[in-house]
Amino acid sequence: MIKVSDIDCDRIKRNPDKSVVLLTNVKIDNQGYIIEHIEIRQYIEKSDPTLGSYSLLTIFIKTNKGIVEMKYDEGFRGNNAIDSAVTMLKQYVGFASLINRALIELQR
């Protein structure tokens, strides 16, 4: 199975500090790929007493033809960084763009 990432491996070699499953146990056909699982992951890389946590947020997508983990956002985003990102994805057309971006990465 192909594994693709646009992130330096050292940044995501450990388990995420937090993750939220956005879609699982489904089979969505898109451009010949079957999307099986989507989650957003948070890796806290450092903390600042004033700015709070520096987070790397990634999107993990599993398809029948491979796995993609790609950067979604990063920076000092506060204590609710992952929750804010999930809300944004659910309220707007974020899922479609994520899936299309992941499929482009798998096709390279």
PDB file of N, CA and C in Angstrom:
ATOM      1  N   MET A   1       0.841  -1.176   0.000  1.00  0.00           N
ATOM      2  CA  MET A   1       0.000   0.000   0.000  1.00  0.00           C
ATOM      3  C   MET A   1       0.890   1.244   0.000  1.00  0.00           C
ATOM      4  N   ILE A   2       0.558   2.222  -0.804  1.00  0.00           N
ATOM      5  CA  ILE A   2       1.311   3.469  -0.908  1.00  0.00           C
ATOM      6  C   ILE A   2       1.036   4.335   0.318  1.00  0.00           C
ATOM      7  N   LYS A   3       2.099   4.939   0.860  1.00  0.00           N
ATOM      8  CA  LYS A   3       1.969   5.914   1.948  1.00  0.00           C
ATOM      9  C   LYS A   3       2.615   7.201   1.482  1.00  0.00           C
ATOM     10  N   VAL A   4       1.836   8.275   1.498  1.00  0.00           N
ATOM     11  CA  VAL A   4       2.299   9.565   1.007  1.00  0.00           C
ATOM     12  C   VAL A   4       2.158  10.589   2.123  1.00  0.00           C
ATOM     13  N   SER A   5       3.157  11.469   2.231  1.00  0.00           N
ATOM     14  CA  SER A   5       3.076  12.543   3.214  1.00  0.00           C
ATOM     15  C   SER A   5       3.834  13.752   2.692  1.00  0.00           C
ATOM     16  N   ASP A   6       3.314  14.928   2.969  1.00  0.00           N
ATOM     17  CA  ASP A   6       4.012  16.157   2.602  1.00  0.00           C
ATOM     18  C   ASP A   6       4.675  16.797   3.832  1.00  0.00           C
ATOM     19  N   ILE A   7       4.864  15.989   4.884  1.00  0.00           N
ATOM     20  CA  ILE A   7       5.399  16.461   6.148  1.00  0.00           C
ATOM     21  C   ILE A   7       6.708  15.723   6.435  1.00  0.00           C
ATOM     22  N   ASP A   8       7.671  16.431   6.998  1.00  0.00           N
ATOM     23  CA  ASP A   8       8.925  15.804   7.419  1.00  0.00           C
ATOM     24  C   ASP A   8       8.605  14.658   8.379  1.00  0.00           C
ATOM     25  N   CYS A   9       9.109  13.474   8.098  1.00  0.00           N
ATOM     26  CA  CYS A   9       8.803  12.268   8.885  1.00  0.00           C
ATOM     27  C   CYS A   9       9.090  12.430  10.375  1.00  0.00           C
ATOM     28  N   ASP A  10      10.114  13.199  10.728  1.00  0.00           N
ATOM     29  CA  ASP A  10      10.459  13.389  12.139  1.00  0.00           C
ATOM     30  C   ASP A  10       9.347  14.083  12.918  1.00  0.00           C
ATOM     31  N   ARG A  11       8.525  14.857  12.233  1.00  0.00           N
ATOM     32  CA  ARG A  11       7.470  15.601  12.915  1.00  0.00           C
ATOM     33  C   ARG A  11       6.272  14.723  13.259  1.00  0.00           C
ATOM     34  N   ILE A  12       6.101  13.623  12.555  1.00  0.00           N
ATOM     35  CA  ILE A  12       4.918  12.785  12.781  1.00  0.00           C
ATOM     36  C   ILE A  12       5.275  11.331  13.085  1.00  0.00           C
ATOM     37  N   LYS A  13       6.486  11.090  13.567  1.00  0.00           N
ATOM     38  CA  LYS A  13       6.908   9.711  13.828  1.00  0.00           C
ATOM     39  C   LYS A  13       6.316   9.140  15.108  1.00  0.00           C
ATOM     40  N   ARG A  14       5.762   9.970  15.954  1.00  0.00           N
ATOM     41  CA  ARG A  14       5.133   9.505  17.194  1.00  0.00           C
ATOM     42  C   ARG A  14       3.615   9.544  17.043  1.00  0.00           C
ATOM     43  N   ASN A  15       2.936   8.994  18.023  1.00  0.00           N
ATOM     44  CA  ASN A  15       1.480   9.056  18.009  1.00  0.00           C
ATOM     45  C   ASN A  15       1.031  10.496  18.221  1.00  0.00           C
ATOM     46  N   PRO A  16      -0.066  10.881  17.586  1.00  0.00           N
ATOM     47  CA  PRO A  16      -0.553  12.251  17.785  1.00  0.00           C
ATOM     48  C   PRO A  16      -0.994  12.475  19.231  1.00  0.00           C
ATOM     49  N   ASP A  17      -0.951  13.727  19.655  1.00  0.00           N
ATOM     50  CA  ASP A  17      -1.411  14.074  20.998  1.00  0.00           C
ATOM     51  C   ASP A  17      -2.927  13.983  21.095  1.00  0.00           C
ATOM     52  N   LYS A  18      -3.590  14.232  19.985  1.00  0.00           N
ATOM     53  CA  LYS A  18      -5.052  14.137  19.941  1.00  0.00           C
ATOM     54  C   LYS A  18      -5.458  13.883  18.501  1.00  0.00           C
ATOM     55  N   SER A  19      -6.532  13.154  18.310  1.00  0.00           N
ATOM     56  CA  SER A  19      -7.068  12.953  16.965  1.00  0.00           C
ATOM     57  C   SER A  19      -8.588  12.881  17.038  1.00  0.00           C
ATOM     58  N   VAL A  20      -9.208  13.266  15.943  1.00  0.00           N
ATOM     59  CA  VAL A  20     -10.664  13.214  15.841  1.00  0.00           C
ATOM     60  C   VAL A  20     -10.993  12.513  14.531  1.00  0.00           C
ATOM     61  N   VAL A  21     -11.755  11.429  14.629  1.00  0.00           N
ATOM     62  CA  VAL A  21     -12.181  10.703  13.433  1.00  0.00           C
ATOM     63  C   VAL A  21     -13.358  11.465  12.823  1.00  0.00           C
ATOM     64  N   LEU A  22     -13.210  11.801  11.545  1.00  0.00           N
ATOM     65  CA  LEU A  22     -14.249  12.548  10.851  1.00  0.00           C
ATOM     66  C   LEU A  22     -15.154  11.636  10.034  1.00  0.00           C
ATOM     67  N   LEU A  23     -14.601  10.517   9.589  1.00  0.00           N
ATOM     68  CA  LEU A  23     -15.342   9.596   8.749  1.00  0.00           C
ATOM     69  C   LEU A  23     -14.686   8.227   8.861  1.00  0.00           C
ATOM     70  N   THR A  24     -15.474   7.189   9.113  1.00  0.00           N
ATOM     71  CA  THR A  24     -14.910   5.848   9.207  1.00  0.00           C
ATOM     72  C   THR A  24     -15.988   4.814   8.880  1.00  0.00           C
ATOM     73  N   ASN A  25     -15.554   3.607   8.596  1.00  0.00           N
ATOM     74  CA  ASN A  25     -16.455   2.495   8.287  1.00  0.00           C
ATOM     75  C   ASN A  25     -17.420   2.824   7.149  1.00  0.00           C
ATOM     76  N   VAL A  26     -16.901   3.526   6.140  1.00  0.00           N
ATOM     77  CA  VAL A  26     -17.702   3.847   4.961  1.00  0.00           C
ATOM     78  C   VAL A  26     -16.885   3.512   3.720  1.00  0.00           C
ATOM     79  N   LYS A  27     -17.514   3.529   2.610  1.00  0.00           N
ATOM     80  CA  LYS A  27     -16.845   3.301   1.331  1.00  0.00           C
ATOM     81  C   LYS A  27     -17.387   4.342   0.346  1.00  0.00           C
ATOM     82  N   ILE A  28     -16.671   5.447   0.221  1.00  0.00           N
ATOM     83  CA  ILE A  28     -17.079   6.518  -0.679  1.00  0.00           C
ATOM     84  C   ILE A  28     -16.205   6.454  -1.920  1.00  0.00           C
ATOM     85  N   ASP A  29     -16.825   6.288  -3.083  1.00  0.00           N
ATOM     86  CA  ASP A  29     -16.091   6.202  -4.342  1.00  0.00           C
ATOM     87  C   ASP A  29     -15.884   7.607  -4.896  1.00  0.00           C
ATOM     88  N   ASN A  30     -14.613   7.936  -5.157  1.00  0.00           N
ATOM     89  CA  ASN A  30     -14.280   9.243  -5.706  1.00  0.00           C
ATOM     90  C   ASN A  30     -13.112   9.070  -6.664  1.00  0.00           C
ATOM     91  N   GLN A  31     -13.354   9.291  -7.941  1.00  0.00           N
ATOM     92  CA  GLN A  31     -12.324   9.219  -8.979  1.00  0.00           C
ATOM     93  C   GLN A  31     -11.614   7.868  -9.006  1.00  0.00           C
ATOM     94  N   GLY A  32     -12.319   6.804  -8.692  1.00  0.00           N
ATOM     95  CA  GLY A  32     -11.723   5.467  -8.711  1.00  0.00           C
ATOM     96  C   GLY A  32     -11.050   5.066  -7.406  1.00  0.00           C
ATOM     97  N   TYR A  33     -11.055   5.924  -6.428  1.00  0.00           N
ATOM     98  CA  TYR A  33     -10.519   5.626  -5.100  1.00  0.00           C
ATOM     99  C   TYR A  33     -11.686   5.422  -4.140  1.00  0.00           C
ATOM    100  N   ILE A  34     -11.545   4.464  -3.258  1.00  0.00           N
ATOM    101  CA  ILE A  34     -12.551   4.234  -2.229  1.00  0.00           C
ATOM    102  C   ILE A  34     -12.027   4.857  -0.934  1.00  0.00           C
ATOM    103  N   ILE A  35     -12.666   5.928  -0.487  1.00  0.00           N
ATOM    104  CA  ILE A  35     -12.293   6.597   0.754  1.00  0.00           C
ATOM    105  C   ILE A  35     -12.883   5.787   1.902  1.00  0.00           C
ATOM    106  N   GLU A  36     -12.026   5.334   2.828  1.00  0.00           N
ATOM    107  CA  GLU A  36     -12.467   4.468   3.921  1.00  0.00           C
ATOM    108  C   GLU A  36     -12.408   5.143   5.294  1.00  0.00           C
ATOM    109  N   HIS A  37     -11.499   6.116   5.453  1.00  0.00           N
ATOM    110  CA  HIS A  37     -11.275   6.690   6.781  1.00  0.00           C
ATOM    111  C   HIS A  37     -10.659   8.079   6.641  1.00  0.00           C
ATOM    112  N   ILE A  38     -11.168   9.036   7.413  1.00  0.00           N
ATOM    113  CA  ILE A  38     -10.581  10.382   7.462  1.00  0.00           C
ATOM    114  C   ILE A  38     -10.512  10.801   8.920  1.00  0.00           C
ATOM    115  N   GLU A  39      -9.336  11.292   9.318  1.00  0.00           N
ATOM    116  CA  GLU A  39      -9.223  11.843  10.664  1.00  0.00           C
ATOM    117  C   GLU A  39      -8.288  13.044  10.644  1.00  0.00           C
ATOM    118  N   ILE A  40      -8.455  13.895  11.626  1.00  0.00           N
ATOM    119  CA  ILE A  40      -7.560  15.026  11.804  1.00  0.00           C
ATOM    120  C   ILE A  40      -6.727  14.727  13.043  1.00  0.00           C
ATOM    121  N   ARG A  41      -5.421  14.993  12.949  1.00  0.00           N
ATOM    122  CA  ARG A  41      -4.495  14.676  14.032  1.00  0.00           C
ATOM    123  C   ARG A  41      -3.779  15.941  14.492  1.00  0.00           C
ATOM    124  N   GLN A  42      -3.523  16.003  15.790  1.00  0.00           N
ATOM    125  CA  GLN A  42      -2.811  17.136  16.364  1.00  0.00           C
ATOM    126  C   GLN A  42      -1.524  16.653  17.022  1.00  0.00           C
ATOM    127  N   TYR A  43      -0.414  17.236  16.600  1.00  0.00           N
ATOM    128  CA  TYR A  43       0.880  16.993  17.215  1.00  0.00           C
ATOM    129  C   TYR A  43       1.318  18.301  17.873  1.00  0.00           C
ATOM    130  N   ILE A  44       1.402  18.311  19.191  1.00  0.00           N
ATOM    131  CA  ILE A  44       1.856  19.504  19.890  1.00  0.00           C
ATOM    132  C   ILE A  44       3.374  19.460  19.920  1.00  0.00           C
ATOM    133  N   GLU A  45       3.994  20.477  19.331  1.00  0.00           N
ATOM    134  CA  GLU A  45       5.447  20.468  19.172  1.00  0.00           C
ATOM    135  C   GLU A  45       6.181  21.293  20.221  1.00  0.00           C
ATOM    136  N   LYS A  46       5.545  22.315  20.732  1.00  0.00           N
ATOM    137  CA  LYS A  46       6.169  23.121  21.786  1.00  0.00           C
ATOM    138  C   LYS A  46       5.112  23.983  22.454  1.00  0.00           C
ATOM    139  N   SER A  47       5.483  24.557  23.587  1.00  0.00           N
ATOM    140  CA  SER A  47       4.574  25.432  24.321  1.00  0.00           C
ATOM    141  C   SER A  47       5.280  26.731  24.666  1.00  0.00           C
ATOM    142  N   ASP A  48       4.508  27.774  24.665  1.00  0.00           N
ATOM    143  CA  ASP A  48       4.998  29.088  25.054  1.00  0.00           C
ATOM    144  C   ASP A  48       4.077  29.599  26.156  1.00  0.00           C
ATOM    145  N   PRO A  49       4.630  30.164  27.231  1.00  0.00           N
ATOM    146  CA  PRO A  49       3.786  30.616  28.337  1.00  0.00           C
ATOM    147  C   PRO A  49       2.750  31.674  27.917  1.00  0.00           C
ATOM    148  N   THR A  50       3.070  32.457  26.910  1.00  0.00           N
ATOM    149  CA  THR A  50       2.156  33.507  26.467  1.00  0.00           C
ATOM    150  C   THR A  50       1.257  33.038  25.319  1.00  0.00           C
ATOM    151  N   LEU A  51       1.852  32.379  24.343  1.00  0.00           N
ATOM    152  CA  LEU A  51       1.124  31.999  23.128  1.00  0.00           C
ATOM    153  C   LEU A  51       0.410  30.656  23.232  1.00  0.00           C
ATOM    154  N   GLY A  52       0.786  29.839  24.189  1.00  0.00           N
ATOM    155  CA  GLY A  52       0.180  28.519  24.334  1.00  0.00           C
ATOM    156  C   GLY A  52       0.910  27.476  23.503  1.00  0.00           C
ATOM    157  N   SER A  53       0.180  26.476  23.057  1.00  0.00           N
ATOM    158  CA  SER A  53       0.770  25.341  22.331  1.00  0.00           C
ATOM    159  C   SER A  53       0.946  25.638  20.846  1.00  0.00           C
ATOM    160  N   TYR A  54       2.088  25.174  20.314  1.00  0.00           N
ATOM    161  CA  TYR A  54       2.334  25.204  18.881  1.00  0.00           C
ATOM    162  C   TYR A  54       1.926  23.838  18.349  1.00  0.00           C
ATOM    163  N   SER A  55       0.918  23.818  17.505  1.00  0.00           N
ATOM    164  CA  SER A  55       0.365  22.552  17.005  1.00  0.00           C
ATOM    165  C   SER A  55       0.589  22.383  15.518  1.00  0.00           C
ATOM    166  N   LEU A  56       0.867  21.155  15.141  1.00  0.00           N
ATOM    167  CA  LEU A  56       0.843  20.732  13.748  1.00  0.00           C
ATOM    168  C   LEU A  56      -0.424  19.919  13.595  1.00  0.00           C
ATOM    169  N   LEU A  57      -1.336  20.384  12.734  1.00  0.00           N
ATOM    170  CA  LEU A  57      -2.570  19.644  12.459  1.00  0.00           C
ATOM    171  C   LEU A  57      -2.423  18.969  11.104  1.00  0.00           C
ATOM    172  N   THR A  58      -2.695  17.669  11.070  1.00  0.00           N
ATOM    173  CA  THR A  58      -2.608  16.919   9.819  1.00  0.00           C
ATOM    174  C   THR A  58      -3.944  16.244   9.526  1.00  0.00           C
ATOM    175  N   ILE A  59      -4.121  15.934   8.267  1.00  0.00           N
ATOM    176  CA  ILE A  59      -5.280  15.154   7.834  1.00  0.00           C
ATOM    177  C   ILE A  59      -4.757  13.793   7.396  1.00  0.00           C
ATOM    178  N   PHE A  60      -5.350  12.745   7.929  1.00  0.00           N
ATOM    179  CA  PHE A  60      -4.993  11.364   7.609  1.00  0.00           C
ATOM    180  C   PHE A  60      -6.164  10.767   6.838  1.00  0.00           C
ATOM    181  N   ILE A  61      -5.899  10.322   5.618  1.00  0.00           N
ATOM    182  CA  ILE A  61      -6.953   9.732   4.777  1.00  0.00           C
ATOM    183  C   ILE A  61      -6.488   8.368   4.296  1.00  0.00           C
ATOM    184  N   LYS A  62      -7.337   7.362   4.507  1.00  0.00           N
ATOM    185  CA  LYS A  62      -7.042   5.999   4.053  1.00  0.00           C
ATOM    186  C   LYS A  62      -7.989   5.666   2.908  1.00  0.00           C
ATOM    187  N   THR A  63      -7.400   5.194   1.807  1.00  0.00           N
ATOM    188  CA  THR A  63      -8.190   4.758   0.658  1.00  0.00           C
ATOM    189  C   THR A  63      -7.819   3.315   0.324  1.00  0.00           C
ATOM    190  N   ASN A  64      -8.499   2.762  -0.645  1.00  0.00           N
ATOM    191  CA  ASN A  64      -8.190   1.401  -1.084  1.00  0.00           C
ATOM    192  C   ASN A  64      -6.845   1.315  -1.810  1.00  0.00           C
ATOM    193  N   LYS A  65      -6.295   2.467  -2.220  1.00  0.00           N
ATOM    194  CA  LYS A  65      -5.047   2.474  -2.975  1.00  0.00           C
ATOM    195  C   LYS A  65      -3.881   3.116  -2.227  1.00  0.00           C
ATOM    196  N   GLY A  66      -4.119   3.566  -1.013  1.00  0.00           N
ATOM    197  CA  GLY A  66      -3.028   4.156  -0.268  1.00  0.00           C
ATOM    198  C   GLY A  66      -3.490   5.039   0.875  1.00  0.00           C
ATOM    199  N   ILE A  67      -2.499   5.502   1.613  1.00  0.00           N
ATOM    200  CA  ILE A  67      -2.731   6.346   2.781  1.00  0.00           C
ATOM    201  C   ILE A  67      -2.013   7.663   2.560  1.00  0.00           C
ATOM    202  N   VAL A  68      -2.673   8.749   2.926  1.00  0.00           N
ATOM    203  CA  VAL A  68      -2.077  10.076   2.828  1.00  0.00           C
ATOM    204  C   VAL A  68      -2.172  10.746   4.188  1.00  0.00           C
ATOM    205  N   GLU A  69      -1.058  11.328   4.645  1.00  0.00           N
ATOM    206  CA  GLU A  69      -1.104  12.213   5.804  1.00  0.00           C
ATOM    207  C   GLU A  69      -0.483  13.521   5.355  1.00  0.00           C
ATOM    208  N   MET A  70      -1.267  14.582   5.389  1.00  0.00           N
ATOM    209  CA  MET A  70      -0.808  15.864   4.877  1.00  0.00           C
ATOM    210  C   MET A  70      -1.095  16.985   5.865  1.00  0.00           C
ATOM    211  N   LYS A  71      -0.305  18.021   5.757  1.00  0.00           N
ATOM    212  CA  LYS A  71      -0.439  19.158   6.658  1.00  0.00           C
ATOM    213  C   LYS A  71      -1.759  19.877   6.394  1.00  0.00           C
ATOM    214  N   TYR A  72      -2.464  20.187   7.466  1.00  0.00           N
ATOM    215  CA  TYR A  72      -3.692  20.976   7.372  1.00  0.00           C
ATOM    216  C   TYR A  72      -3.435  22.394   7.864  1.00  0.00           C
ATOM    217  N   ASP A  73      -2.756  22.523   9.008  1.00  0.00           N
ATOM    218  CA  ASP A  73      -2.484  23.833   9.592  1.00  0.00           C
ATOM    219  C   ASP A  73      -1.384  23.667  10.633  1.00  0.00           C
ATOM    220  N   GLU A  74      -0.738  24.754  10.973  1.00  0.00           N
ATOM    221  CA  GLU A  74       0.219  24.713  12.072  1.00  0.00           C
ATOM    222  C   GLU A  74       0.411  26.112  12.621  1.00  0.00           C
ATOM    223  N   GLY A  75       0.830  26.154  13.870  1.00  0.00           N
ATOM    224  CA  GLY A  75       1.107  27.432  14.512  1.00  0.00           C
ATOM    225  C   GLY A  75       0.603  27.443  15.945  1.00  0.00           C
ATOM    226  N   PHE A  76       0.710  28.603  16.566  1.00  0.00           N
ATOM    227  CA  PHE A  76       0.164  28.789  17.907  1.00  0.00           C
ATOM    228  C   PHE A  76      -1.330  29.041  17.740  1.00  0.00           C
ATOM    229  N   ARG A  77      -2.123  28.020  17.886  1.00  0.00           N
ATOM    230  CA  ARG A  77      -3.566  28.091  17.620  1.00  0.00           C
ATOM    231  C   ARG A  77      -4.421  27.966  18.878  1.00  0.00           C
ATOM    232  N   GLY A  78      -3.791  27.932  20.048  1.00  0.00           N
ATOM    233  CA  GLY A  78      -4.544  27.856  21.300  1.00  0.00           C
ATOM    234  C   GLY A  78      -4.827  26.432  21.722  1.00  0.00           C
ATOM    235  N   ASN A  79      -5.507  26.312  22.845  1.00  0.00           N
ATOM    236  CA  ASN A  79      -5.784  24.996  23.424  1.00  0.00           C
ATOM    237  C   ASN A  79      -6.851  24.209  22.672  1.00  0.00           C
ATOM    238  N   ASN A  80      -7.666  24.875  21.880  1.00  0.00           N
ATOM    239  CA  ASN A  80      -8.753  24.203  21.161  1.00  0.00           C
ATOM    240  C   ASN A  80      -8.482  24.118  19.664  1.00  0.00           C
ATOM    241  N   ALA A  81      -7.226  24.014  19.276  1.00  0.00           N
ATOM    242  CA  ALA A  81      -6.855  24.040  17.857  1.00  0.00           C
ATOM    243  C   ALA A  81      -7.559  22.961  17.049  1.00  0.00           C
ATOM    244  N   ILE A  82      -7.544  21.745  17.531  1.00  0.00           N
ATOM    245  CA  ILE A  82      -8.144  20.651  16.761  1.00  0.00           C
ATOM    246  C   ILE A  82      -9.665  20.779  16.714  1.00  0.00           C
ATOM    247  N   ASP A  83     -10.259  21.200  17.823  1.00  0.00           N
ATOM    248  CA  ASP A  83     -11.719  21.361  17.853  1.00  0.00           C
ATOM    249  C   ASP A  83     -12.175  22.466  16.901  1.00  0.00           C
ATOM    250  N   SER A  84     -11.425  23.552  16.844  1.00  0.00           N
ATOM    251  CA  SER A  84     -11.749  24.638  15.914  1.00  0.00           C
ATOM    252  C   SER A  84     -11.644  24.178  14.466  1.00  0.00           C
ATOM    253  N   ALA A  85     -10.607  23.391  14.182  1.00  0.00           N
ATOM    254  CA  ALA A  85     -10.424  22.881  12.821  1.00  0.00           C
ATOM    255  C   ALA A  85     -11.556  21.934  12.429  1.00  0.00           C
ATOM    256  N   VAL A  86     -11.975  21.074  13.354  1.00  0.00           N
ATOM    257  CA  VAL A  86     -13.079  20.142  13.079  1.00  0.00           C
ATOM    258  C   VAL A  86     -14.367  20.927  12.799  1.00  0.00           C
ATOM    259  N   THR A  87     -14.639  21.938  13.602  1.00  0.00           N
ATOM    260  CA  THR A  87     -15.832  22.762  13.398  1.00  0.00           C
ATOM    261  C   THR A  87     -15.801  23.416  12.017  1.00  0.00           C
ATOM    262  N   MET A  88     -14.652  23.953  11.644  1.00  0.00           N
ATOM    263  CA  MET A  88     -14.524  24.599  10.333  1.00  0.00           C
ATOM    264  C   MET A  88     -14.780  23.595   9.208  1.00  0.00           C
ATOM    265  N   LEU A  89     -14.217  22.408   9.327  1.00  0.00           N
ATOM    266  CA  LEU A  89     -14.405  21.393   8.287  1.00  0.00           C
ATOM    267  C   LEU A  89     -15.866  20.967   8.165  1.00  0.00           C
ATOM    268  N   LYS A  90     -16.537  20.862   9.287  1.00  0.00           N
ATOM    269  CA  LYS A  90     -17.928  20.406   9.277  1.00  0.00           C
ATOM    270  C   LYS A  90     -18.888  21.484   8.781  1.00  0.00           C
ATOM    271  N   GLN A  91     -18.556  22.750   8.996  1.00  0.00           N
ATOM    272  CA  GLN A  91     -19.472  23.826   8.639  1.00  0.00           C
ATOM    273  C   GLN A  91     -19.337  24.282   7.191  1.00  0.00           C
ATOM    274  N   TYR A  92     -18.222  23.991   6.562  1.00  0.00           N
ATOM    275  CA  TYR A  92     -17.989  24.448   5.200  1.00  0.00           C
ATOM    276  C   TYR A  92     -17.725  23.243   4.306  1.00  0.00           C
ATOM    277  N   VAL A  93     -17.350  23.467   3.092  1.00  0.00           N
ATOM    278  CA  VAL A  93     -17.105  22.366   2.158  1.00  0.00           C
ATOM    279  C   VAL A  93     -15.686  21.823   2.278  1.00  0.00           C
ATOM    280  N   GLY A  94     -15.225  21.697   3.491  1.00  0.00           N
ATOM    281  CA  GLY A  94     -13.865  21.261   3.740  1.00  0.00           C
ATOM    282  C   GLY A  94     -13.583  19.825   3.369  1.00  0.00           C
ATOM    283  N   PHE A  95     -14.555  18.941   3.545  1.00  0.00           N
ATOM    284  CA  PHE A  95     -14.324  17.524   3.249  1.00  0.00           C
ATOM    285  C   PHE A  95     -13.985  17.307   1.782  1.00  0.00           C
ATOM    286  N   ALA A  96     -14.722  17.926   0.897  1.00  0.00           N
ATOM    287  CA  ALA A  96     -14.492  17.735  -0.539  1.00  0.00           C
ATOM    288  C   ALA A  96     -13.091  18.188  -0.925  1.00  0.00           C
ATOM    289  N   SER A  97     -12.661  19.344  -0.410  1.00  0.00           N
ATOM    290  CA  SER A  97     -11.315  19.813  -0.747  1.00  0.00           C
ATOM    291  C   SER A  97     -10.238  18.905  -0.190  1.00  0.00           C
ATOM    292  N   LEU A  98     -10.436  18.402   1.037  1.00  0.00           N
ATOM    293  CA  LEU A  98      -9.455  17.489   1.629  1.00  0.00           C
ATOM    294  C   LEU A  98      -9.317  16.226   0.807  1.00  0.00           C
ATOM    295  N   ILE A  99     -10.439  15.666   0.434  1.00  0.00           N
ATOM    296  CA  ILE A  99     -10.418  14.421  -0.342  1.00  0.00           C
ATOM    297  C   ILE A  99      -9.737  14.651  -1.686  1.00  0.00           C
ATOM    298  N   ASN A 100     -10.092  15.731  -2.371  1.00  0.00           N
ATOM    299  CA  ASN A 100      -9.476  16.014  -3.672  1.00  0.00           C
ATOM    300  C   ASN A 100      -7.972  16.230  -3.541  1.00  0.00           C
ATOM    301  N   ARG A 101      -7.552  16.934  -2.512  1.00  0.00           N
ATOM    302  CA  ARG A 101      -6.123  17.173  -2.295  1.00  0.00           C
ATOM    303  C   ARG A 101      -5.382  15.856  -2.025  1.00  0.00           C
ATOM    304  N   ALA A 102      -5.990  14.981  -1.223  1.00  0.00           N
ATOM    305  CA  ALA A 102      -5.372  13.693  -0.923  1.00  0.00           C
ATOM    306  C   ALA A 102      -5.253  12.829  -2.174  1.00  0.00           C
ATOM    307  N   LEU A 103      -6.273  12.826  -3.003  1.00  0.00           N
ATOM    308  CA  LEU A 103      -6.235  12.020  -4.225  1.00  0.00           C
ATOM    309  C   LEU A 103      -5.178  12.528  -5.200  1.00  0.00           C
ATOM    310  N   ILE A 104      -5.000  13.843  -5.247  1.00  0.00           N
ATOM    311  CA  ILE A 104      -3.938  14.406  -6.085  1.00  0.00           C
ATOM    312  C   ILE A 104      -2.573  13.914  -5.588  1.00  0.00           C
ATOM    313  N   GLU A 105      -2.374  13.881  -4.282  1.00  0.00           N
ATOM    314  CA  GLU A 105      -1.103  13.393  -3.717  1.00  0.00           C
ATOM    315  C   GLU A 105      -0.885  11.926  -4.058  1.00  0.00           C
ATOM    316  N   LEU A 106      -1.930  11.122  -3.993  1.00  0.00           N
ATOM    317  CA  LEU A 106      -1.786   9.690  -4.315  1.00  0.00           C
ATOM    318  C   LEU A 106      -1.496   9.466  -5.797  1.00  0.00           C
ATOM    319  N   GLN A 107      -1.994  10.322  -6.652  1.00  0.00           N
ATOM    320  CA  GLN A 107      -1.808  10.167  -8.094  1.00  0.00           C
ATOM    321  C   GLN A 107      -0.410  10.555  -8.559  1.00  0.00           C
ATOM    322  N   ARG A 108       0.351  11.293  -7.744  1.00  0.00           N
ATOM    323  CA  ARG A 108       1.697  11.736  -8.153  1.00  0.00           C
ATOM    324  C   ARG A 108       2.655  10.599  -8.282  1.00  0.00           C
TER     325      ARG A 108
END
